[in-house]
Amino acid sequence: MKLFKELYLYRELLKTSIKKEIRGKYKGSFLGVLWSFVNPLLMVLVYAIVFPYILKVQEDNYLIFLITATIPWTFFTTVISQGTTTIIANAGLIKKVYFPRAILPISVVTSGLINFLISCVIIFIFILISGIGFSFYLLFLPLIIIIEYIFSLAIVFILSAINVYIRDVEYITNFVIMMLFYATPILYSFTLIPERLRIIFDLNPMAHIINSYRDILYYQKMPNTLNIIVVGLSSTLLLIIGYGIFKKLERGFAEEV
C-alpha cells in the first residue's frame, strides 16, 4: 500500500519517466516510435524465411505462428535488458534528488508494455489478412498481458537492484535470456518437446505465457486454465518478493552508483 501511495504522490514524475523511456529509446531516429512495429516485424520475417523454407518446418500459417509468440517475447526481453541497468543509467538523478526509486523499473516495464500494445497491431493485422480471424477467447488476452507485465516487473525489481552491487548481473542476464529463448516454444510448438523433457519446460513461466498467447491468437482455444492460475499467482508472489528485495537494497543505491 505504501508503494501505491508513493506512486500516487509522485504520479507526475512517473508519467514523465514513462514518456522519457518511450521517447528516449527512439530519440534521433527517423522512424521514431514506428520502430515498435519495424523491429519485431523484421525479426519475424527472417524467421519466417529461414525455418519453413530452409529448415523445412511444417506448420500451417507459420508466419502467424511466429508472430503470436515473437512479439510477446520481445516485450519480455526488452524490458528485462533495459530494466536491469535502469538504476545505474539514472545514477545522476538518484544522487541529486529523492524520489521513490521504484519509479525507475516501473517506468521501464510500463513503457515496454505501451510499445508492446502498439506492436499488437501487427499481430491483429496479420491474423486478419491470413483469414484466421478472432475468437471469443480473445477476451482472455488482457489477462495474459497483465500476467506477463507482473512477471516482468518482478524480475526487473530484483535484477535492477542486484546489478547496482554486482555489475556482472547485466551480462549474465543477457546470456540467460539468449538461452531462455531456445527453452521457450517460440520457433517451435510445445507438442514437439519430448515427454521426458516437458517437466523442465514446465518450470519456465514464459513457456506458459507464450503458449497462452498462441492458444488465444493462433489456435483460437482456451489457454490452459491451471497454468494461467499457477503462473499468475507465482508471478504476483514473485513481485512481492522482488519489491521487498528492491526496497532492502535501495538504501545503498546513492553510494554505489
Protein backbone atom coordinates (compact mmCIF):
# COMPACT_ATOMS: atom_id res chain seq x y z
CA MET A 1 0.00 0.00 0.00
CA LYS A 2 2.93 2.32 0.71
CA LEU A 3 4.15 1.80 -2.85
CA PHE A 4 0.79 2.79 -4.34
CA LYS A 5 0.66 5.84 -2.08
CA GLU A 6 4.13 6.93 -3.20
CA LEU A 7 3.29 6.34 -6.84
CA TYR A 8 0.20 8.49 -6.45
CA LEU A 9 2.15 11.30 -4.77
CA TYR A 10 4.83 11.16 -7.47
CA ARG A 11 2.42 10.38 -10.32
CA GLU A 12 3.64 13.30 -12.45
CA LEU A 13 7.22 12.09 -12.15
CA LEU A 14 6.06 8.59 -13.07
CA LYS A 15 4.28 9.90 -16.18
CA THR A 16 7.33 11.94 -17.16
CA SER A 17 9.63 8.98 -16.63
CA ILE A 18 7.46 6.70 -18.78
CA LYS A 19 7.36 9.30 -21.56
CA LYS A 20 11.13 9.70 -21.32
CA GLU A 21 11.64 5.96 -21.66
CA ILE A 22 9.42 5.82 -24.75
CA ARG A 23 10.86 8.91 -26.44
CA GLY A 24 14.43 8.29 -25.35
CA LYS A 25 14.53 4.85 -26.89
CA TYR A 26 13.92 6.26 -30.37
CA LYS A 27 15.43 9.72 -29.89
CA GLY A 28 17.13 10.97 -33.03
CA SER A 29 15.78 8.16 -35.23
CA PHE A 30 13.85 8.96 -38.40
CA LEU A 31 11.04 6.45 -37.80
CA GLY A 32 10.74 7.15 -34.09
CA VAL A 33 8.08 5.05 -32.35
CA LEU A 34 7.41 3.23 -35.65
CA TRP A 35 10.40 1.07 -34.74
CA SER A 36 7.97 -0.61 -32.32
CA PHE A 37 6.42 -2.08 -35.46
CA VAL A 38 9.52 -2.46 -37.63
CA ASN A 39 11.88 -4.27 -35.22
CA PRO A 40 9.66 -7.26 -34.37
CA LEU A 41 8.33 -7.39 -37.93
CA LEU A 42 11.81 -7.68 -39.46
CA MET A 43 12.79 -10.35 -36.95
CA VAL A 44 9.65 -12.36 -37.66
CA LEU A 45 10.18 -12.12 -41.42
CA VAL A 46 13.71 -13.54 -41.06
CA TYR A 47 12.41 -16.49 -39.03
CA ALA A 48 9.53 -16.97 -41.45
CA ILE A 49 12.02 -17.40 -44.30
CA VAL A 50 14.67 -19.46 -42.54
CA PHE A 51 12.53 -22.05 -40.77
CA PRO A 52 9.84 -23.09 -43.27
CA TYR A 53 11.93 -22.77 -46.44
CA ILE A 54 15.45 -23.66 -45.29
CA LEU A 55 14.89 -25.84 -42.21
CA LYS A 56 11.61 -27.22 -43.62
CA VAL A 57 9.48 -26.61 -40.52
CA GLN A 58 5.97 -27.96 -41.11
CA GLU A 59 3.38 -25.64 -39.57
CA ASP A 60 0.29 -24.09 -41.11
CA ASN A 61 0.39 -20.29 -41.24
CA TYR A 62 3.90 -20.36 -39.82
CA LEU A 63 4.23 -16.57 -40.06
CA ILE A 64 1.22 -16.14 -37.74
CA PHE A 65 2.56 -18.95 -35.55
CA LEU A 66 5.76 -16.94 -35.14
CA ILE A 67 4.22 -13.50 -34.69
CA THR A 68 1.90 -14.57 -31.89
CA ALA A 69 4.94 -15.68 -29.86
CA THR A 70 7.82 -13.50 -31.03
CA ILE A 71 6.24 -10.12 -30.29
CA PRO A 72 5.23 -11.02 -26.69
CA TRP A 73 8.71 -12.47 -26.20
CA THR A 74 10.29 -9.24 -27.49
CA PHE A 75 8.32 -7.30 -24.88
CA PHE A 76 9.74 -9.50 -22.13
CA THR A 77 13.38 -9.47 -23.27
CA THR A 78 13.39 -5.72 -23.99
CA VAL A 79 12.16 -4.69 -20.53
CA ILE A 80 14.45 -7.18 -18.78
CA SER A 81 17.52 -5.92 -20.65
CA GLN A 82 16.70 -2.25 -20.15
CA GLY A 83 15.33 -2.69 -16.65
CA THR A 84 18.44 -4.44 -15.34
CA THR A 85 20.54 -1.28 -15.92
CA THR A 86 17.91 1.36 -15.15
CA ILE A 87 19.26 2.29 -11.70
CA ILE A 88 22.81 2.71 -12.95
CA ALA A 89 21.61 4.59 -16.03
CA ASN A 90 19.87 7.12 -13.76
CA ALA A 91 22.76 7.46 -11.29
CA GLY A 92 22.92 11.23 -11.66
CA LEU A 93 19.27 11.66 -10.79
CA ILE A 94 19.47 9.27 -7.84
CA LYS A 95 22.37 11.20 -6.32
CA LYS A 96 20.71 14.61 -6.69
CA VAL A 97 17.12 14.26 -5.51
CA TYR A 98 14.88 11.95 -3.51
CA PHE A 99 12.03 10.13 -5.21
CA PRO A 100 10.67 6.58 -4.93
CA ARG A 101 13.37 4.55 -6.70
CA ALA A 102 10.71 2.01 -7.70
CA ILE A 103 9.53 4.53 -10.29
CA LEU A 104 12.55 3.67 -12.46
CA PRO A 105 11.88 -0.06 -13.01
CA ILE A 106 8.13 0.57 -13.17
CA SER A 107 8.71 3.19 -15.90
CA VAL A 108 10.82 0.80 -17.97
CA VAL A 109 8.31 -2.05 -17.81
CA THR A 110 5.30 0.23 -18.37
CA SER A 111 6.90 1.92 -21.39
CA GLY A 112 7.70 -1.54 -22.72
CA LEU A 113 4.07 -2.51 -22.22
CA ILE A 114 2.92 0.52 -24.23
CA ASN A 115 5.30 -0.37 -27.06
CA PHE A 116 4.06 -3.95 -26.90
CA LEU A 117 0.43 -2.86 -27.17
CA ILE A 118 1.37 -0.80 -30.23
CA SER A 119 3.14 -3.83 -31.70
CA CYS A 120 0.00 -5.92 -31.13
CA VAL A 121 -1.47 -4.06 -34.08
CA ILE A 122 0.93 -6.11 -36.23
CA ILE A 123 -0.46 -9.33 -34.78
CA PHE A 124 -4.06 -8.32 -35.39
CA ILE A 125 -3.37 -7.16 -38.96
CA PHE A 126 -1.62 -10.38 -39.91
CA ILE A 127 -4.30 -12.52 -38.27
CA LEU A 128 -6.98 -10.73 -40.28
CA ILE A 129 -5.01 -10.92 -43.55
CA SER A 130 -4.32 -14.63 -43.04
CA GLY A 131 -8.04 -15.34 -42.68
CA ILE A 132 -7.62 -16.88 -39.22
CA GLY A 133 -9.70 -14.13 -37.63
CA PHE A 134 -10.54 -13.85 -33.96
CA SER A 135 -12.49 -15.93 -31.48
CA PHE A 136 -14.29 -15.45 -28.19
CA TYR A 137 -11.08 -16.41 -26.38
CA LEU A 138 -9.60 -13.04 -27.30
CA LEU A 139 -11.29 -11.82 -24.10
CA PHE A 140 -8.57 -13.65 -22.14
CA LEU A 141 -5.77 -11.72 -23.88
CA PRO A 142 -5.71 -8.77 -21.39
CA LEU A 143 -5.30 -11.26 -18.52
CA ILE A 144 -2.24 -12.84 -20.15
CA ILE A 145 -0.76 -9.39 -20.84
CA ILE A 146 -1.23 -8.40 -17.19
CA ILE A 147 0.43 -11.63 -16.01
CA GLU A 148 3.41 -11.04 -18.30
CA TYR A 149 3.64 -7.44 -17.05
CA ILE A 150 3.63 -8.57 -13.40
CA PHE A 151 6.21 -11.29 -14.05
CA SER A 152 8.48 -8.90 -15.99
CA LEU A 153 8.24 -6.21 -13.31
CA ALA A 154 9.11 -8.73 -10.60
CA ILE A 155 12.25 -9.79 -12.46
CA VAL A 156 13.26 -6.17 -13.17
CA PHE A 157 12.87 -5.21 -9.49
CA ILE A 158 15.27 -7.98 -8.49
CA LEU A 159 17.85 -7.62 -11.27
CA SER A 160 18.00 -3.82 -11.28
CA ALA A 161 18.69 -3.76 -7.53
CA ILE A 162 21.31 -6.52 -7.53
CA ASN A 163 23.04 -5.07 -10.61
CA VAL A 164 23.90 -1.94 -8.63
CA TYR A 165 26.14 -4.05 -6.36
CA ILE A 166 27.19 -6.77 -8.80
CA ARG A 167 27.66 -5.28 -12.28
CA ASP A 168 28.15 -8.72 -13.85
CA VAL A 169 24.40 -9.29 -13.50
CA GLU A 170 23.80 -7.28 -16.67
CA TYR A 171 25.96 -9.62 -18.77
CA ILE A 172 24.73 -12.79 -17.11
CA THR A 173 21.14 -11.68 -17.75
CA ASN A 174 21.79 -11.19 -21.47
CA PHE A 175 23.26 -14.70 -21.70
CA VAL A 176 20.37 -16.26 -19.75
CA ILE A 177 17.80 -14.51 -21.96
CA MET A 178 19.52 -15.89 -25.06
CA MET A 179 19.43 -19.42 -23.64
CA LEU A 180 15.86 -19.00 -22.43
CA PHE A 181 14.80 -18.10 -25.97
CA TYR A 182 15.52 -21.65 -27.11
CA ALA A 183 13.94 -23.11 -23.97
CA THR A 184 10.66 -21.33 -24.76
CA PRO A 185 8.33 -22.63 -27.52
CA ILE A 186 8.65 -19.64 -29.83
CA LEU A 187 10.09 -21.10 -33.03
CA TYR A 188 8.54 -24.50 -32.41
CA SER A 189 5.39 -25.99 -30.93
CA PHE A 190 5.25 -27.19 -27.34
CA THR A 191 3.94 -30.52 -28.64
CA LEU A 192 7.35 -31.21 -30.28
CA ILE A 193 9.06 -31.34 -26.89
CA PRO A 194 9.76 -34.97 -25.83
CA GLU A 195 7.60 -36.08 -22.93
CA ARG A 196 10.61 -36.77 -20.69
CA LEU A 197 11.79 -33.15 -21.08
CA ARG A 198 8.47 -31.38 -20.60
CA ILE A 199 8.84 -31.19 -16.84
CA ILE A 200 11.88 -28.95 -17.42
CA PHE A 201 9.95 -26.69 -19.79
CA ASP A 202 7.05 -26.58 -17.33
CA LEU A 203 9.33 -24.77 -14.89
CA ASN A 204 9.69 -21.88 -17.36
CA PRO A 205 6.89 -19.32 -16.72
CA MET A 206 7.47 -17.69 -20.11
CA ALA A 207 6.76 -21.01 -21.81
CA HIS A 208 3.23 -20.98 -20.35
CA ILE A 209 2.74 -17.28 -21.09
CA ILE A 210 3.83 -17.70 -24.73
CA ASN A 211 1.65 -20.81 -25.09
CA SER A 212 -1.31 -18.81 -23.77
CA TYR A 213 -0.80 -16.07 -26.37
CA ARG A 214 -0.57 -18.68 -29.09
CA ASP A 215 -3.63 -20.60 -27.86
CA ILE A 216 -5.73 -17.42 -27.91
CA LEU A 217 -4.49 -15.87 -31.14
CA TYR A 218 -3.31 -18.78 -33.30
CA TYR A 219 -5.09 -21.95 -32.20
CA GLN A 220 -8.14 -19.95 -31.01
CA LYS A 221 -8.78 -22.10 -27.99
CA MET A 222 -8.95 -21.68 -24.23
CA PRO A 223 -5.47 -21.44 -22.67
CA ASN A 224 -4.60 -23.98 -20.01
CA THR A 225 -6.54 -22.64 -17.03
CA LEU A 226 -4.38 -24.33 -14.40
CA ASN A 227 -1.19 -22.95 -15.94
CA ILE A 228 -2.65 -19.43 -16.05
CA ILE A 229 -3.63 -19.59 -12.39
CA VAL A 230 -0.28 -21.01 -11.27
CA VAL A 231 1.81 -18.56 -13.31
CA GLY A 232 -0.43 -15.64 -12.30
CA LEU A 233 -0.21 -16.40 -8.58
CA SER A 234 3.51 -17.21 -8.64
CA SER A 235 4.22 -14.01 -10.62
CA THR A 236 2.30 -11.97 -8.05
CA LEU A 237 4.20 -13.64 -5.20
CA LEU A 238 7.49 -13.05 -7.03
CA LEU A 239 6.54 -9.37 -7.48
CA ILE A 240 6.02 -9.00 -3.72
CA ILE A 241 9.35 -10.72 -3.03
CA GLY A 242 11.09 -8.74 -5.76
CA TYR A 243 9.83 -5.43 -4.43
CA GLY A 244 10.96 -6.43 -0.94
CA ILE A 245 14.46 -7.15 -2.25
CA PHE A 246 14.46 -3.85 -4.14
CA LYS A 247 13.43 -1.86 -1.05
CA LYS A 248 16.07 -3.56 1.08
CA LEU A 249 18.87 -2.87 -1.40
CA GLU A 250 17.83 0.64 -2.46
CA ARG A 251 19.27 2.13 0.76
CA GLY A 252 22.75 1.92 -0.72
CA PHE A 253 21.95 2.95 -4.30
CA ALA A 254 23.23 6.54 -3.95
CA GLU A 255 26.57 5.35 -2.56
CA GLU A 256 27.07 2.50 -5.03
CA VAL A 257 26.12 4.19 -8.31
